[in-house]
Amino acid sequence: MDRTGFVAVRCTACAAHPALDDTLREAVRGSRGGILVHARCVLGEGCGGGFVVVQPCDDAQRATRPALRIGPVRTTADVAAVANWLRAGRLDPRDLPAHLIGLPAASVN
């Protein structure tokens, strides 16, 4: 899988790990074609916080694959995993810990 751009939408309505916002901001700045958007709860009120929805896209910000729901991002290790995943630019869900994408690793295509 080649490197790809993305739009990352961070839920701001619910509590999140304290390092999530700053770390996401840094990862997006260091990425190729990344955009960070802060929005009210992206999954419905009371989602539990710490969720990020990532939409892989091309250079014109057109969706190239389905969006991925990532989270909840609860620990420092989770924050680092998401940031490193964004920086790598492949946006392959199999490169994230299974608990962050809400699916068993074997179910991810």
PDB file of N, CA and C in Angstrom:
ATOM      1  N   MET A   1       0.837  -1.171   0.000  1.00  0.00           N
ATOM      2  CA  MET A   1       0.000   0.000   0.000  1.00  0.00           C
ATOM      3  C   MET A   1       0.889   1.245   0.000  1.00  0.00           C
ATOM      4  N   ASP A   2       0.615   2.180  -0.894  1.00  0.00           N
ATOM      5  CA  ASP A   2       1.383   3.414  -0.955  1.00  0.00           C
ATOM      6  C   ASP A   2       0.958   4.367   0.155  1.00  0.00           C
ATOM      7  N   ARG A   3       1.796   5.381   0.365  1.00  0.00           N
ATOM      8  CA  ARG A   3       1.436   6.429   1.314  1.00  0.00           C
ATOM      9  C   ARG A   3       0.219   7.167   0.779  1.00  0.00           C
ATOM     10  N   THR A   4      -0.646   7.592   1.671  1.00  0.00           N
ATOM     11  CA  THR A   4      -1.863   8.266   1.254  1.00  0.00           C
ATOM     12  C   THR A   4      -2.144   9.451   2.165  1.00  0.00           C
ATOM     13  N   GLY A   5      -2.869  10.425   1.645  1.00  0.00           N
ATOM     14  CA  GLY A   5      -3.323  11.539   2.466  1.00  0.00           C
ATOM     15  C   GLY A   5      -4.529  11.112   3.287  1.00  0.00           C
ATOM     16  N   PHE A   6      -4.985  11.996   4.151  1.00  0.00           N
ATOM     17  CA  PHE A   6      -6.114  11.650   4.999  1.00  0.00           C
ATOM     18  C   PHE A   6      -6.724  12.902   5.621  1.00  0.00           C
ATOM     19  N   VAL A   7      -7.955  12.738   6.061  1.00  0.00           N
ATOM     20  CA  VAL A   7      -8.598  13.712   6.933  1.00  0.00           C
ATOM     21  C   VAL A   7      -8.882  12.956   8.225  1.00  0.00           C
ATOM     22  N   ALA A   8      -8.354  13.462   9.331  1.00  0.00           N
ATOM     23  CA  ALA A   8      -8.590  12.864  10.644  1.00  0.00           C
ATOM     24  C   ALA A   8      -9.549  13.774  11.402  1.00  0.00           C
ATOM     25  N   VAL A   9     -10.657  13.217  11.848  1.00  0.00           N
ATOM     26  CA  VAL A   9     -11.656  13.979  12.596  1.00  0.00           C
ATOM     27  C   VAL A   9     -11.614  13.498  14.039  1.00  0.00           C
ATOM     28  N   ARG A  10     -11.274  14.403  14.937  1.00  0.00           N
ATOM     29  CA  ARG A  10     -11.136  14.096  16.365  1.00  0.00           C
ATOM     30  C   ARG A  10     -12.382  14.560  17.113  1.00  0.00           C
ATOM     31  N   CYS A  11     -12.981  13.644  17.844  1.00  0.00           N
ATOM     32  CA  CYS A  11     -14.146  13.948  18.671  1.00  0.00           C
ATOM     33  C   CYS A  11     -13.703  14.825  19.844  1.00  0.00           C
ATOM     34  N   THR A  12     -14.316  15.993  19.993  1.00  0.00           N
ATOM     35  CA  THR A  12     -13.971  16.882  21.104  1.00  0.00           C
ATOM     36  C   THR A  12     -15.065  16.956  22.158  1.00  0.00           C
ATOM     37  N   ALA A  13     -16.174  16.265  21.935  1.00  0.00           N
ATOM     38  CA  ALA A  13     -17.295  16.350  22.865  1.00  0.00           C
ATOM     39  C   ALA A  13     -17.071  15.524  24.126  1.00  0.00           C
ATOM     40  N   CYS A  14     -16.255  14.502  24.020  1.00  0.00           N
ATOM     41  CA  CYS A  14     -16.054  13.587  25.144  1.00  0.00           C
ATOM     42  C   CYS A  14     -14.595  13.634  25.596  1.00  0.00           C
ATOM     43  N   ALA A  15     -14.365  13.232  26.805  1.00  0.00           N
ATOM     44  CA  ALA A  15     -13.007  13.239  27.363  1.00  0.00           C
ATOM     45  C   ALA A  15     -12.094  12.315  26.567  1.00  0.00           C
ATOM     46  N   ALA A  16     -10.818  12.695  26.509  1.00  0.00           N
ATOM     47  CA  ALA A  16      -9.828  11.887  25.791  1.00  0.00           C
ATOM     48  C   ALA A  16      -8.527  11.897  26.574  1.00  0.00           C
ATOM     49  N   HIS A  17      -7.607  11.039  26.173  1.00  0.00           N
ATOM     50  CA  HIS A  17      -6.278  11.029  26.780  1.00  0.00           C
ATOM     51  C   HIS A  17      -5.682  12.422  26.630  1.00  0.00           C
ATOM     52  N   PRO A  18      -5.060  12.969  27.683  1.00  0.00           N
ATOM     53  CA  PRO A  18      -4.555  14.349  27.626  1.00  0.00           C
ATOM     54  C   PRO A  18      -3.552  14.622  26.513  1.00  0.00           C
ATOM     55  N   ALA A  19      -2.824  13.630  26.071  1.00  0.00           N
ATOM     56  CA  ALA A  19      -1.807  13.842  25.025  1.00  0.00           C
ATOM     57  C   ALA A  19      -2.362  13.700  23.612  1.00  0.00           C
ATOM     58  N   LEU A  20      -3.615  13.275  23.480  1.00  0.00           N
ATOM     59  CA  LEU A  20      -4.135  12.945  22.153  1.00  0.00           C
ATOM     60  C   LEU A  20      -4.115  14.142  21.206  1.00  0.00           C
ATOM     61  N   ASP A  21      -4.636  15.281  21.620  1.00  0.00           N
ATOM     62  CA  ASP A  21      -4.725  16.423  20.703  1.00  0.00           C
ATOM     63  C   ASP A  21      -3.355  16.902  20.232  1.00  0.00           C
ATOM     64  N   ASP A  22      -2.435  17.113  21.147  1.00  0.00           N
ATOM     65  CA  ASP A  22      -1.110  17.591  20.759  1.00  0.00           C
ATOM     66  C   ASP A  22      -0.378  16.581  19.889  1.00  0.00           C
ATOM     67  N   THR A  23      -0.495  15.311  20.235  1.00  0.00           N
ATOM     68  CA  THR A  23       0.201  14.267  19.482  1.00  0.00           C
ATOM     69  C   THR A  23      -0.391  14.122  18.089  1.00  0.00           C
ATOM     70  N   LEU A  24      -1.722  14.186  17.981  1.00  0.00           N
ATOM     71  CA  LEU A  24      -2.350  14.137  16.662  1.00  0.00           C
ATOM     72  C   LEU A  24      -1.910  15.320  15.809  1.00  0.00           C
ATOM     73  N   ARG A  25      -1.901  16.490  16.409  1.00  0.00           N
ATOM     74  CA  ARG A  25      -1.492  17.701  15.685  1.00  0.00           C
ATOM     75  C   ARG A  25      -0.077  17.533  15.120  1.00  0.00           C
ATOM     76  N   GLU A  26       0.836  17.042  15.941  1.00  0.00           N
ATOM     77  CA  GLU A  26       2.219  16.831  15.496  1.00  0.00           C
ATOM     78  C   GLU A  26       2.297  15.780  14.388  1.00  0.00           C
ATOM     79  N   ALA A  27       1.538  14.699  14.532  1.00  0.00           N
ATOM     80  CA  ALA A  27       1.565  13.635  13.522  1.00  0.00           C
ATOM     81  C   ALA A  27       1.024  14.140  12.187  1.00  0.00           C
ATOM     82  N   VAL A  28      -0.036  14.939  12.231  1.00  0.00           N
ATOM     83  CA  VAL A  28      -0.621  15.466  11.003  1.00  0.00           C
ATOM     84  C   VAL A  28       0.338  16.447  10.340  1.00  0.00           C
ATOM     85  N   ARG A  29       0.969  17.297  11.126  1.00  0.00           N
ATOM     86  CA  ARG A  29       1.939  18.243  10.559  1.00  0.00           C
ATOM     87  C   ARG A  29       3.091  17.525   9.870  1.00  0.00           C
ATOM     88  N   GLY A  30       3.478  16.373  10.391  1.00  0.00           N
ATOM     89  CA  GLY A  30       4.588  15.621   9.824  1.00  0.00           C
ATOM     90  C   GLY A  30       4.184  14.641   8.739  1.00  0.00           C
ATOM     91  N   SER A  31       2.913  14.629   8.382  1.00  0.00           N
ATOM     92  CA  SER A  31       2.430  13.673   7.387  1.00  0.00           C
ATOM     93  C   SER A  31       2.395  14.296   5.995  1.00  0.00           C
ATOM     94  N   ARG A  32       2.207  13.454   5.031  1.00  0.00           N
ATOM     95  CA  ARG A  32       2.011  13.907   3.658  1.00  0.00           C
ATOM     96  C   ARG A  32       0.513  14.001   3.412  1.00  0.00           C
ATOM     97  N   GLY A  33       0.007  15.196   3.255  1.00  0.00           N
ATOM     98  CA  GLY A  33      -1.394  15.374   2.894  1.00  0.00           C
ATOM     99  C   GLY A  33      -2.385  15.144   4.010  1.00  0.00           C
ATOM    100  N   GLY A  34      -1.972  15.252   5.263  1.00  0.00           N
ATOM    101  CA  GLY A  34      -2.887  15.057   6.378  1.00  0.00           C
ATOM    102  C   GLY A  34      -3.592  16.338   6.771  1.00  0.00           C
ATOM    103  N   ILE A  35      -4.854  16.210   7.156  1.00  0.00           N
ATOM    104  CA  ILE A  35      -5.646  17.321   7.657  1.00  0.00           C
ATOM    105  C   ILE A  35      -6.296  16.864   8.955  1.00  0.00           C
ATOM    106  N   LEU A  36      -6.255  17.711   9.984  1.00  0.00           N
ATOM    107  CA  LEU A  36      -6.890  17.404  11.265  1.00  0.00           C
ATOM    108  C   LEU A  36      -8.077  18.323  11.456  1.00  0.00           C
ATOM    109  N   VAL A  37      -9.223  17.735  11.780  1.00  0.00           N
ATOM    110  CA  VAL A  37     -10.456  18.468  12.025  1.00  0.00           C
ATOM    111  C   VAL A  37     -10.931  18.110  13.428  1.00  0.00           C
ATOM    112  N   HIS A  38     -11.326  19.117  14.200  1.00  0.00           N
ATOM    113  CA  HIS A  38     -11.946  18.871  15.497  1.00  0.00           C
ATOM    114  C   HIS A  38     -13.447  19.100  15.344  1.00  0.00           C
ATOM    115  N   ALA A  39     -14.244  18.160  15.823  1.00  0.00           N
ATOM    116  CA  ALA A  39     -15.686  18.246  15.675  1.00  0.00           C
ATOM    117  C   ALA A  39     -16.374  17.719  16.925  1.00  0.00           C
ATOM    118  N   ARG A  40     -17.622  18.080  17.070  1.00  0.00           N
ATOM    119  CA  ARG A  40     -18.423  17.486  18.130  1.00  0.00           C
ATOM    120  C   ARG A  40     -18.411  15.978  17.946  1.00  0.00           C
ATOM    121  N   CYS A  41     -18.940  15.268  18.875  1.00  0.00           N
ATOM    122  CA  CYS A  41     -18.890  13.804  18.864  1.00  0.00           C
ATOM    123  C   CYS A  41     -19.232  13.243  17.483  1.00  0.00           C
ATOM    124  N   VAL A  42     -18.294  12.514  16.914  1.00  0.00           N
ATOM    125  CA  VAL A  42     -18.455  11.984  15.561  1.00  0.00           C
ATOM    126  C   VAL A  42     -19.210  10.657  15.536  1.00  0.00           C
ATOM    127  N   LEU A  43     -19.437  10.067  16.695  1.00  0.00           N
ATOM    128  CA  LEU A  43     -20.101   8.763  16.760  1.00  0.00           C
ATOM    129  C   LEU A  43     -21.430   8.815  17.492  1.00  0.00           C
ATOM    130  N   GLY A  44     -21.874   9.983  17.868  1.00  0.00           N
ATOM    131  CA  GLY A  44     -23.092  10.127  18.652  1.00  0.00           C
ATOM    132  C   GLY A  44     -22.739  10.538  20.057  1.00  0.00           C
ATOM    133  N   GLU A  45     -23.555  11.354  20.657  1.00  0.00           N
ATOM    134  CA  GLU A  45     -23.261  11.868  22.001  1.00  0.00           C
ATOM    135  C   GLU A  45     -22.963  10.737  22.973  1.00  0.00           C
ATOM    136  N   GLY A  46     -21.948  10.960  23.784  1.00  0.00           N
ATOM    137  CA  GLY A  46     -21.594   9.991  24.809  1.00  0.00           C
ATOM    138  C   GLY A  46     -20.825   8.790  24.297  1.00  0.00           C
ATOM    139  N   CYS A  47     -20.004   8.980  23.284  1.00  0.00           N
ATOM    140  CA  CYS A  47     -19.276   7.855  22.691  1.00  0.00           C
ATOM    141  C   CYS A  47     -18.199   7.317  23.630  1.00  0.00           C
ATOM    142  N   GLY A  48     -17.875   8.060  24.671  1.00  0.00           N
ATOM    143  CA  GLY A  48     -16.854   7.602  25.599  1.00  0.00           C
ATOM    144  C   GLY A  48     -15.525   8.290  25.415  1.00  0.00           C
ATOM    145  N   GLY A  49     -15.389   9.041  24.362  1.00  0.00           N
ATOM    146  CA  GLY A  49     -14.194   9.869  24.166  1.00  0.00           C
ATOM    147  C   GLY A  49     -13.020   9.152  23.555  1.00  0.00           C
ATOM    148  N   GLY A  50     -12.101   9.973  23.049  1.00  0.00           N
ATOM    149  CA  GLY A  50     -10.869   9.447  22.503  1.00  0.00           C
ATOM    150  C   GLY A  50     -11.002   8.761  21.164  1.00  0.00           C
ATOM    151  N   PHE A  51     -12.025   9.090  20.401  1.00  0.00           N
ATOM    152  CA  PHE A  51     -12.181   8.496  19.081  1.00  0.00           C
ATOM    153  C   PHE A  51     -11.677   9.447  18.007  1.00  0.00           C
ATOM    154  N   VAL A  52     -11.142   8.853  16.957  1.00  0.00           N
ATOM    155  CA  VAL A  52     -10.702   9.591  15.778  1.00  0.00           C
ATOM    156  C   VAL A  52     -11.252   8.827  14.574  1.00  0.00           C
ATOM    157  N   VAL A  53     -11.836   9.549  13.634  1.00  0.00           N
ATOM    158  CA  VAL A  53     -12.259   8.939  12.378  1.00  0.00           C
ATOM    159  C   VAL A  53     -11.276   9.405  11.316  1.00  0.00           C
ATOM    160  N   VAL A  54     -10.680   8.459  10.604  1.00  0.00           N
ATOM    161  CA  VAL A  54      -9.680   8.784   9.589  1.00  0.00           C
ATOM    162  C   VAL A  54     -10.204   8.371   8.225  1.00  0.00           C
ATOM    163  N   GLN A  55     -10.267   9.363   7.338  1.00  0.00           N
ATOM    164  CA  GLN A  55     -10.708   9.130   5.962  1.00  0.00           C
ATOM    165  C   GLN A  55      -9.512   9.204   5.031  1.00  0.00           C
ATOM    166  N   PRO A  56      -9.030   8.062   4.505  1.00  0.00           N
ATOM    167  CA  PRO A  56      -7.954   8.119   3.516  1.00  0.00           C
ATOM    168  C   PRO A  56      -8.442   8.883   2.281  1.00  0.00           C
ATOM    169  N   CYS A  57      -7.574   9.706   1.720  1.00  0.00           N
ATOM    170  CA  CYS A  57      -7.978  10.502   0.563  1.00  0.00           C
ATOM    171  C   CYS A  57      -6.792  10.769  -0.352  1.00  0.00           C
ATOM    172  N   ASP A  58      -7.109  11.286  -1.525  1.00  0.00           N
ATOM    173  CA  ASP A  58      -6.062  11.633  -2.476  1.00  0.00           C
ATOM    174  C   ASP A  58      -5.632  13.084  -2.243  1.00  0.00           C
ATOM    175  N   ASP A  59      -4.790  13.599  -3.127  1.00  0.00           N
ATOM    176  CA  ASP A  59      -4.267  14.951  -2.959  1.00  0.00           C
ATOM    177  C   ASP A  59      -5.340  16.033  -3.042  1.00  0.00           C
ATOM    178  N   ALA A  60      -6.488  15.718  -3.636  1.00  0.00           N
ATOM    179  CA  ALA A  60      -7.598  16.670  -3.728  1.00  0.00           C
ATOM    180  C   ALA A  60      -8.620  16.448  -2.614  1.00  0.00           C
ATOM    181  N   GLN A  61      -8.254  15.693  -1.595  1.00  0.00           N
ATOM    182  CA  GLN A  61      -9.100  15.346  -0.454  1.00  0.00           C
ATOM    183  C   GLN A  61     -10.365  14.583  -0.847  1.00  0.00           C
ATOM    184  N   ARG A  62     -10.276  13.788  -1.904  1.00  0.00           N
ATOM    185  CA  ARG A  62     -11.375  12.902  -2.281  1.00  0.00           C
ATOM    186  C   ARG A  62     -11.139  11.552  -1.617  1.00  0.00           C
ATOM    187  N   ALA A  63     -12.185  11.003  -1.045  1.00  0.00           N
ATOM    188  CA  ALA A  63     -12.079   9.707  -0.367  1.00  0.00           C
ATOM    189  C   ALA A  63     -11.582   8.640  -1.328  1.00  0.00           C
ATOM    190  N   THR A  64     -10.631   7.843  -0.854  1.00  0.00           N
ATOM    191  CA  THR A  64     -10.098   6.746  -1.670  1.00  0.00           C
ATOM    192  C   THR A  64     -10.467   5.379  -1.115  1.00  0.00           C
ATOM    193  N   ARG A  65     -10.843   5.330   0.138  1.00  0.00           N
ATOM    194  CA  ARG A  65     -11.238   4.094   0.812  1.00  0.00           C
ATOM    195  C   ARG A  65     -12.236   4.461   1.908  1.00  0.00           C
ATOM    196  N   PRO A  66     -12.898   3.478   2.498  1.00  0.00           N
ATOM    197  CA  PRO A  66     -13.816   3.787   3.598  1.00  0.00           C
ATOM    198  C   PRO A  66     -13.083   4.414   4.791  1.00  0.00           C
ATOM    199  N   ALA A  67     -13.790   5.260   5.512  1.00  0.00           N
ATOM    200  CA  ALA A  67     -13.249   5.863   6.728  1.00  0.00           C
ATOM    201  C   ALA A  67     -13.087   4.796   7.798  1.00  0.00           C
ATOM    202  N   LEU A  68     -12.124   5.023   8.691  1.00  0.00           N
ATOM    203  CA  LEU A  68     -11.850   4.098   9.785  1.00  0.00           C
ATOM    204  C   LEU A  68     -12.132   4.771  11.117  1.00  0.00           C
ATOM    205  N   ARG A  69     -12.863   4.089  11.972  1.00  0.00           N
ATOM    206  CA  ARG A  69     -13.088   4.565  13.332  1.00  0.00           C
ATOM    207  C   ARG A  69     -11.977   3.989  14.203  1.00  0.00           C
ATOM    208  N   ILE A  70     -11.257   4.870  14.862  1.00  0.00           N
ATOM    209  CA  ILE A  70     -10.133   4.445  15.689  1.00  0.00           C
ATOM    210  C   ILE A  70     -10.409   4.853  17.129  1.00  0.00           C
ATOM    211  N   GLY A  71     -10.303   3.896  18.022  1.00  0.00           N
ATOM    212  CA  GLY A  71     -10.462   4.205  19.430  1.00  0.00           C
ATOM    213  C   GLY A  71     -11.358   3.224  20.139  1.00  0.00           C
ATOM    214  N   PRO A  72     -11.581   3.479  21.392  1.00  0.00           N
ATOM    215  CA  PRO A  72     -11.115   4.658  22.118  1.00  0.00           C
ATOM    216  C   PRO A  72      -9.604   4.617  22.362  1.00  0.00           C
ATOM    217  N   VAL A  73      -9.005   5.786  22.267  1.00  0.00           N
ATOM    218  CA  VAL A  73      -7.576   5.965  22.505  1.00  0.00           C
ATOM    219  C   VAL A  73      -7.437   6.333  23.979  1.00  0.00           C
ATOM    220  N   ARG A  74      -7.049   5.345  24.799  1.00  0.00           N
ATOM    221  CA  ARG A  74      -7.092   5.535  26.254  1.00  0.00           C
ATOM    222  C   ARG A  74      -5.725   5.676  26.911  1.00  0.00           C
ATOM    223  N   THR A  75      -4.708   5.081  26.349  1.00  0.00           N
ATOM    224  CA  THR A  75      -3.411   5.039  27.018  1.00  0.00           C
ATOM    225  C   THR A  75      -2.361   5.801  26.217  1.00  0.00           C
ATOM    226  N   THR A  76      -1.233   6.056  26.859  1.00  0.00           N
ATOM    227  CA  THR A  76      -0.113   6.686  26.165  1.00  0.00           C
ATOM    228  C   THR A  76       0.342   5.817  24.997  1.00  0.00           C
ATOM    229  N   ALA A  77       0.322   4.508  25.167  1.00  0.00           N
ATOM    230  CA  ALA A  77       0.695   3.589  24.085  1.00  0.00           C
ATOM    231  C   ALA A  77      -0.292   3.688  22.923  1.00  0.00           C
ATOM    232  N   ASP A  78      -1.586   3.839  23.227  1.00  0.00           N
ATOM    233  CA  ASP A  78      -2.593   4.006  22.176  1.00  0.00           C
ATOM    234  C   ASP A  78      -2.338   5.290  21.385  1.00  0.00           C
ATOM    235  N   VAL A  79      -2.065   6.376  22.096  1.00  0.00           N
ATOM    236  CA  VAL A  79      -1.787   7.665  21.450  1.00  0.00           C
ATOM    237  C   VAL A  79      -0.589   7.525  20.510  1.00  0.00           C
ATOM    238  N   ALA A  80       0.471   6.898  20.994  1.00  0.00           N
ATOM    239  CA  ALA A  80       1.674   6.707  20.179  1.00  0.00           C
ATOM    240  C   ALA A  80       1.383   5.829  18.967  1.00  0.00           C
ATOM    241  N   ALA A  81       0.596   4.779  19.140  1.00  0.00           N
ATOM    242  CA  ALA A  81       0.277   3.878  18.031  1.00  0.00           C
ATOM    243  C   ALA A  81      -0.474   4.617  16.925  1.00  0.00           C
ATOM    244  N   VAL A  82      -1.444   5.432  17.297  1.00  0.00           N
ATOM    245  CA  VAL A  82      -2.217   6.181  16.297  1.00  0.00           C
ATOM    246  C   VAL A  82      -1.321   7.195  15.595  1.00  0.00           C
ATOM    247  N   ALA A  83      -0.519   7.919  16.353  1.00  0.00           N
ATOM    248  CA  ALA A  83       0.376   8.925  15.764  1.00  0.00           C
ATOM    249  C   ALA A  83       1.374   8.276  14.801  1.00  0.00           C
ATOM    250  N   ASN A  84       1.977   7.179  15.208  1.00  0.00           N
ATOM    251  CA  ASN A  84       2.943   6.492  14.345  1.00  0.00           C
ATOM    252  C   ASN A  84       2.272   5.952  13.087  1.00  0.00           C
ATOM    253  N   TRP A  85       1.056   5.472  13.231  1.00  0.00           N
ATOM    254  CA  TRP A  85       0.285   4.957  12.100  1.00  0.00           C
ATOM    255  C   TRP A  85       0.014   6.072  11.088  1.00  0.00           C
ATOM    256  N   LEU A  86      -0.390   7.240  11.590  1.00  0.00           N
ATOM    257  CA  LEU A  86      -0.628   8.376  10.694  1.00  0.00           C
ATOM    258  C   LEU A  86       0.663   8.818  10.013  1.00  0.00           C
ATOM    259  N   ARG A  87       1.741   8.897  10.779  1.00  0.00           N
ATOM    260  CA  ARG A  87       3.031   9.324  10.215  1.00  0.00           C
ATOM    261  C   ARG A  87       3.520   8.376   9.116  1.00  0.00           C
ATOM    262  N   ALA A  88       3.275   7.085   9.304  1.00  0.00           N
ATOM    263  CA  ALA A  88       3.720   6.095   8.322  1.00  0.00           C
ATOM    264  C   ALA A  88       3.006   6.285   6.983  1.00  0.00           C
ATOM    265  N   GLY A  89       1.760   6.763   7.042  1.00  0.00           N
ATOM    266  CA  GLY A  89       1.050   7.127   5.824  1.00  0.00           C
ATOM    267  C   GLY A  89       0.417   6.007   5.032  1.00  0.00           C
ATOM    268  N   ARG A  90       0.538   4.769   5.477  1.00  0.00           N
ATOM    269  CA  ARG A  90      -0.068   3.661   4.731  1.00  0.00           C
ATOM    270  C   ARG A  90      -1.566   3.543   5.007  1.00  0.00           C
ATOM    271  N   LEU A  91      -1.956   3.871   6.218  1.00  0.00           N
ATOM    272  CA  LEU A  91      -3.349   3.836   6.672  1.00  0.00           C
ATOM    273  C   LEU A  91      -3.990   2.470   6.493  1.00  0.00           C
ATOM    274  N   ASP A  92      -3.191   1.451   6.697  1.00  0.00           N
ATOM    275  CA  ASP A  92      -3.680   0.075   6.658  1.00  0.00           C
ATOM    276  C   ASP A  92      -4.149  -0.277   8.064  1.00  0.00           C
ATOM    277  N   PRO A  93      -5.423  -0.591   8.254  1.00  0.00           N
ATOM    278  CA  PRO A  93      -5.917  -0.879   9.604  1.00  0.00           C
ATOM    279  C   PRO A  93      -5.198  -2.045  10.275  1.00  0.00           C
ATOM    280  N   ARG A  94      -4.612  -2.923   9.482  1.00  0.00           N
ATOM    281  CA  ARG A  94      -3.878  -4.052  10.066  1.00  0.00           C
ATOM    282  C   ARG A  94      -2.613  -3.611  10.780  1.00  0.00           C
ATOM    283  N   ASP A  95      -2.187  -2.363  10.543  1.00  0.00           N
ATOM    284  CA  ASP A  95      -0.996  -1.838  11.209  1.00  0.00           C
ATOM    285  C   ASP A  95      -1.291  -1.237  12.574  1.00  0.00           C
ATOM    286  N   LEU A  96      -2.558  -1.178  12.952  1.00  0.00           N
ATOM    287  CA  LEU A  96      -2.962  -0.675  14.275  1.00  0.00           C
ATOM    288  C   LEU A  96      -3.240  -1.845  15.210  1.00  0.00           C
ATOM    289  N   PRO A  97      -3.075  -1.633  16.516  1.00  0.00           N
ATOM    290  CA  PRO A  97      -3.509  -2.664  17.464  1.00  0.00           C
ATOM    291  C   PRO A  97      -5.012  -2.932  17.265  1.00  0.00           C
ATOM    292  N   ALA A  98      -5.404  -4.183  17.310  1.00  0.00           N
ATOM    293  CA  ALA A  98      -6.790  -4.583  17.023  1.00  0.00           C
ATOM    294  C   ALA A  98      -7.811  -3.864  17.903  1.00  0.00           C
ATOM    295  N   HIS A  99      -7.477  -3.594  19.167  1.00  0.00           N
ATOM    296  CA  HIS A  99      -8.459  -2.953  20.046  1.00  0.00           C
ATOM    297  C   HIS A  99      -8.754  -1.511  19.632  1.00  0.00           C
ATOM    298  N   LEU A 100      -7.902  -0.893  18.833  1.00  0.00           N
ATOM    299  CA  LEU A 100      -8.145   0.482  18.398  1.00  0.00           C
ATOM    300  C   LEU A 100      -9.064   0.583  17.187  1.00  0.00           C
ATOM    301  N   ILE A 101      -9.253  -0.507  16.482  1.00  0.00           N
ATOM    302  CA  ILE A 101     -10.163  -0.460  15.343  1.00  0.00           C
ATOM    303  C   ILE A 101     -11.450  -1.241  15.606  1.00  0.00           C
ATOM    304  N   GLY A 102     -11.554  -1.796  16.799  1.00  0.00           N
ATOM    305  CA  GLY A 102     -12.793  -2.440  17.211  1.00  0.00           C
ATOM    306  C   GLY A 102     -13.098  -3.743  16.504  1.00  0.00           C
ATOM    307  N   LEU A 103     -12.107  -4.336  15.875  1.00  0.00           N
ATOM    308  CA  LEU A 103     -12.292  -5.604  15.185  1.00  0.00           C
ATOM    309  C   LEU A 103     -11.178  -6.539  15.535  1.00  0.00           C
ATOM    310  N   PRO A 104     -11.444  -7.825  15.579  1.00  0.00           N
ATOM    311  CA  PRO A 104     -10.340  -8.775  15.729  1.00  0.00           C
ATOM    312  C   PRO A 104      -9.389  -8.612  14.565  1.00  0.00           C
ATOM    313  N   ALA A 105      -8.103  -8.774  14.792  1.00  0.00           N
ATOM    314  CA  ALA A 105      -7.109  -8.574  13.740  1.00  0.00           C
ATOM    315  C   ALA A 105      -7.389  -9.412  12.504  1.00  0.00           C
ATOM    316  N   ALA A 106      -7.921 -10.624  12.668  1.00  0.00           N
ATOM    317  CA  ALA A 106      -8.184 -11.504  11.538  1.00  0.00           C
ATOM    318  C   ALA A 106      -9.340 -10.995  10.667  1.00  0.00           C
ATOM    319  N   SER A 107     -10.197 -10.095  11.198  1.00  0.00           N
ATOM    320  CA  SER A 107     -11.354  -9.609  10.455  1.00  0.00           C
ATOM    321  C   SER A 107     -11.052  -8.400   9.591  1.00  0.00           C
ATOM    322  N   VAL A 108      -9.902  -7.797   9.764  1.00  0.00           N
ATOM    323  CA  VAL A 108      -9.579  -6.581   9.035  1.00  0.00           C
ATOM    324  C   VAL A 108      -9.099  -6.924   7.635  1.00  0.00           C
ATOM    325  N   ASN A 109      -9.699  -6.292   6.625  1.00  0.00           N
ATOM    326  CA  ASN A 109      -9.290  -6.534   5.234  1.00  0.00           C
ATOM    327  C   ASN A 109      -8.447  -5.407   4.732  1.00  0.00           C
TER     328      ASN A 109
END
